[in-house]
């Protein structure tokens, strides 16, 4: 299955795991919800999503 160039999501469906909570710094994280980018912190009980918007590398 190929995606069109206009498709916002290319490559992997799930990014590398997040190692710490951006709010409290704890490492007790689990995937959250149906969104493959969703995370839940067991320490502060926050949930959030992480989306890669770019790497800064230009294609020739």
N, C-alpha and C. Protein backbone atom coordinates (compact mmCIF):
# COMPACT_ATOMS: atom_id res chain seq x y z
N UNK A 1 0.85 -1.17 0.00
CA UNK A 1 0.00 0.00 0.00
C UNK A 1 0.89 1.23 0.00
N UNK A 2 0.72 2.11 -0.98
CA UNK A 2 1.52 3.33 -1.04
C UNK A 2 0.66 4.52 -0.64
N UNK A 3 1.30 5.49 -0.04
CA UNK A 3 0.60 6.70 0.37
C UNK A 3 0.91 7.82 -0.60
N UNK A 4 -0.04 8.71 -0.78
CA UNK A 4 0.19 9.83 -1.67
C UNK A 4 1.15 10.82 -1.02
N UNK A 5 1.84 11.65 -1.82
CA UNK A 5 2.77 12.64 -1.24
C UNK A 5 2.08 13.63 -0.32
N UNK A 6 0.76 13.82 -0.50
CA UNK A 6 0.04 14.76 0.36
C UNK A 6 -0.30 14.17 1.72
N UNK A 7 -0.10 12.87 1.89
CA UNK A 7 -0.45 12.20 3.14
C UNK A 7 0.42 12.75 4.28
N UNK A 8 -0.20 13.17 5.41
CA UNK A 8 0.57 13.73 6.50
C UNK A 8 1.39 12.69 7.27
N UNK A 9 1.03 11.41 7.19
CA UNK A 9 1.73 10.37 7.95
C UNK A 9 2.46 9.46 7.00
N UNK A 10 3.76 9.44 7.07
CA UNK A 10 4.58 8.53 6.28
C UNK A 10 5.54 7.80 7.20
N UNK A 11 5.98 6.63 6.78
CA UNK A 11 6.96 5.90 7.58
C UNK A 11 6.28 5.08 8.66
N UNK A 12 6.90 5.04 9.83
CA UNK A 12 6.39 4.24 10.93
C UNK A 12 5.05 4.76 11.45
N UNK A 13 4.25 3.84 11.98
CA UNK A 13 2.99 4.26 12.57
C UNK A 13 3.17 4.65 14.03
N UNK A 14 4.19 4.14 14.69
CA UNK A 14 4.47 4.53 16.08
C UNK A 14 5.92 4.97 16.16
N UNK A 15 6.13 6.12 16.77
CA UNK A 15 7.48 6.64 16.95
C UNK A 15 8.19 5.84 18.04
N UNK A 16 9.45 6.11 18.25
CA UNK A 16 10.17 5.49 19.35
C UNK A 16 9.51 5.88 20.66
N UNK A 17 9.62 5.03 21.68
CA UNK A 17 8.94 5.34 22.94
C UNK A 17 9.48 6.60 23.60
N UNK A 18 8.61 7.25 24.34
CA UNK A 18 8.98 8.42 25.13
C UNK A 18 9.60 7.89 26.42
N UNK A 19 10.68 8.50 26.90
CA UNK A 19 11.39 7.97 28.06
C UNK A 19 11.01 8.65 29.37
N UNK A 20 10.45 9.86 29.32
CA UNK A 20 10.05 10.52 30.56
C UNK A 20 8.89 11.47 30.27
N UNK A 21 8.13 11.77 31.30
CA UNK A 21 6.98 12.67 31.20
C UNK A 21 7.47 14.11 31.03
N UNK A 22 6.96 14.84 30.04
CA UNK A 22 7.40 16.22 29.86
C UNK A 22 6.87 17.17 30.94
N UNK A 23 5.92 16.71 31.75
CA UNK A 23 5.34 17.55 32.79
C UNK A 23 6.01 17.35 34.15
N UNK A 24 6.20 16.07 34.56
CA UNK A 24 6.76 15.83 35.89
C UNK A 24 8.13 15.15 35.86
N UNK A 25 8.54 14.62 34.72
CA UNK A 25 9.84 13.99 34.60
C UNK A 25 9.88 12.52 34.99
N UNK A 26 8.77 11.97 35.43
CA UNK A 26 8.74 10.57 35.84
C UNK A 26 8.87 9.64 34.63
N UNK A 27 9.29 8.41 34.87
CA UNK A 27 9.50 7.45 33.79
C UNK A 27 8.43 6.36 33.74
N UNK A 28 7.36 6.49 34.52
CA UNK A 28 6.29 5.49 34.57
C UNK A 28 5.26 5.78 33.47
N UNK A 29 5.60 5.47 32.21
CA UNK A 29 4.77 5.81 31.07
C UNK A 29 4.22 4.56 30.39
N UNK A 30 3.00 4.67 29.89
CA UNK A 30 2.37 3.60 29.14
C UNK A 30 1.68 4.19 27.91
N UNK A 31 1.59 3.41 26.82
CA UNK A 31 0.82 3.89 25.66
C UNK A 31 -0.62 4.15 26.07
N UNK A 32 -1.27 5.13 25.43
CA UNK A 32 -2.63 5.51 25.84
C UNK A 32 -3.54 5.66 24.64
N UNK A 33 -4.71 5.05 24.72
CA UNK A 33 -5.77 5.25 23.73
C UNK A 33 -5.49 4.63 22.38
N UNK A 34 -6.35 4.99 21.44
CA UNK A 34 -6.26 4.48 20.08
C UNK A 34 -5.19 5.18 19.25
N UNK A 35 -4.84 6.40 19.63
CA UNK A 35 -3.82 7.16 18.91
C UNK A 35 -2.46 6.51 19.15
N UNK A 36 -1.73 6.12 18.09
CA UNK A 36 -0.43 5.46 18.30
C UNK A 36 0.61 6.38 18.94
N UNK A 37 0.34 7.68 19.01
CA UNK A 37 1.27 8.64 19.61
C UNK A 37 0.85 9.04 21.02
N UNK A 38 -0.18 8.42 21.57
CA UNK A 38 -0.69 8.79 22.89
C UNK A 38 0.07 8.13 24.02
N UNK A 39 0.32 8.88 25.10
CA UNK A 39 1.04 8.38 26.27
C UNK A 39 0.32 8.80 27.54
N UNK A 40 0.50 8.00 28.60
CA UNK A 40 -0.10 8.27 29.91
C UNK A 40 0.99 8.15 30.97
N UNK A 41 1.06 9.13 31.86
CA UNK A 41 2.02 9.11 32.97
C UNK A 41 1.31 8.60 34.22
N UNK A 42 1.84 7.54 34.81
CA UNK A 42 1.25 6.97 36.02
C UNK A 42 1.51 7.80 37.26
N UNK A 43 2.50 8.68 37.23
CA UNK A 43 2.84 9.50 38.41
C UNK A 43 1.93 10.73 38.52
N UNK A 44 1.82 11.51 37.44
CA UNK A 44 1.02 12.75 37.52
C UNK A 44 -0.35 12.58 36.86
N UNK A 45 -0.61 11.41 36.28
CA UNK A 45 -1.90 11.04 35.67
C UNK A 45 -2.27 11.89 34.46
N UNK A 46 -1.29 12.50 33.82
CA UNK A 46 -1.55 13.26 32.60
C UNK A 46 -1.45 12.34 31.39
N UNK A 47 -2.18 12.70 30.34
CA UNK A 47 -2.05 12.02 29.06
C UNK A 47 -1.74 13.06 28.00
N UNK A 48 -0.98 12.67 26.98
CA UNK A 48 -0.60 13.59 25.92
C UNK A 48 -0.24 12.80 24.68
N UNK A 49 -0.06 13.51 23.58
CA UNK A 49 0.38 12.89 22.34
C UNK A 49 1.68 13.54 21.89
N UNK A 50 2.48 12.77 21.18
CA UNK A 50 3.75 13.26 20.65
C UNK A 50 3.70 13.05 19.15
N UNK A 51 3.93 14.12 18.39
CA UNK A 51 3.93 14.05 16.92
C UNK A 51 5.23 14.61 16.39
N UNK A 52 5.87 13.86 15.52
CA UNK A 52 7.08 14.34 14.86
C UNK A 52 6.65 15.21 13.69
N UNK A 53 7.07 16.46 13.69
CA UNK A 53 6.70 17.37 12.61
C UNK A 53 7.78 17.48 11.55
N UNK A 54 9.00 17.08 11.85
CA UNK A 54 10.08 17.12 10.88
C UNK A 54 11.42 16.89 11.53
N UNK A 55 12.42 16.64 10.69
CA UNK A 55 13.76 16.39 11.22
C UNK A 55 14.74 17.50 10.86
N UNK A 56 14.35 18.42 10.01
CA UNK A 56 15.24 19.47 9.57
C UNK A 56 16.09 19.07 8.38
N UNK A 57 15.90 17.85 7.90
CA UNK A 57 16.65 17.35 6.75
C UNK A 57 15.85 17.62 5.48
N UNK A 58 16.46 18.28 4.52
CA UNK A 58 15.79 18.60 3.27
C UNK A 58 16.02 17.48 2.25
N UNK A 59 14.97 17.11 1.55
CA UNK A 59 15.12 16.14 0.46
C UNK A 59 15.64 16.85 -0.77
N UNK A 60 16.58 16.20 -1.52
CA UNK A 60 17.12 16.86 -2.73
C UNK A 60 16.10 16.92 -3.84
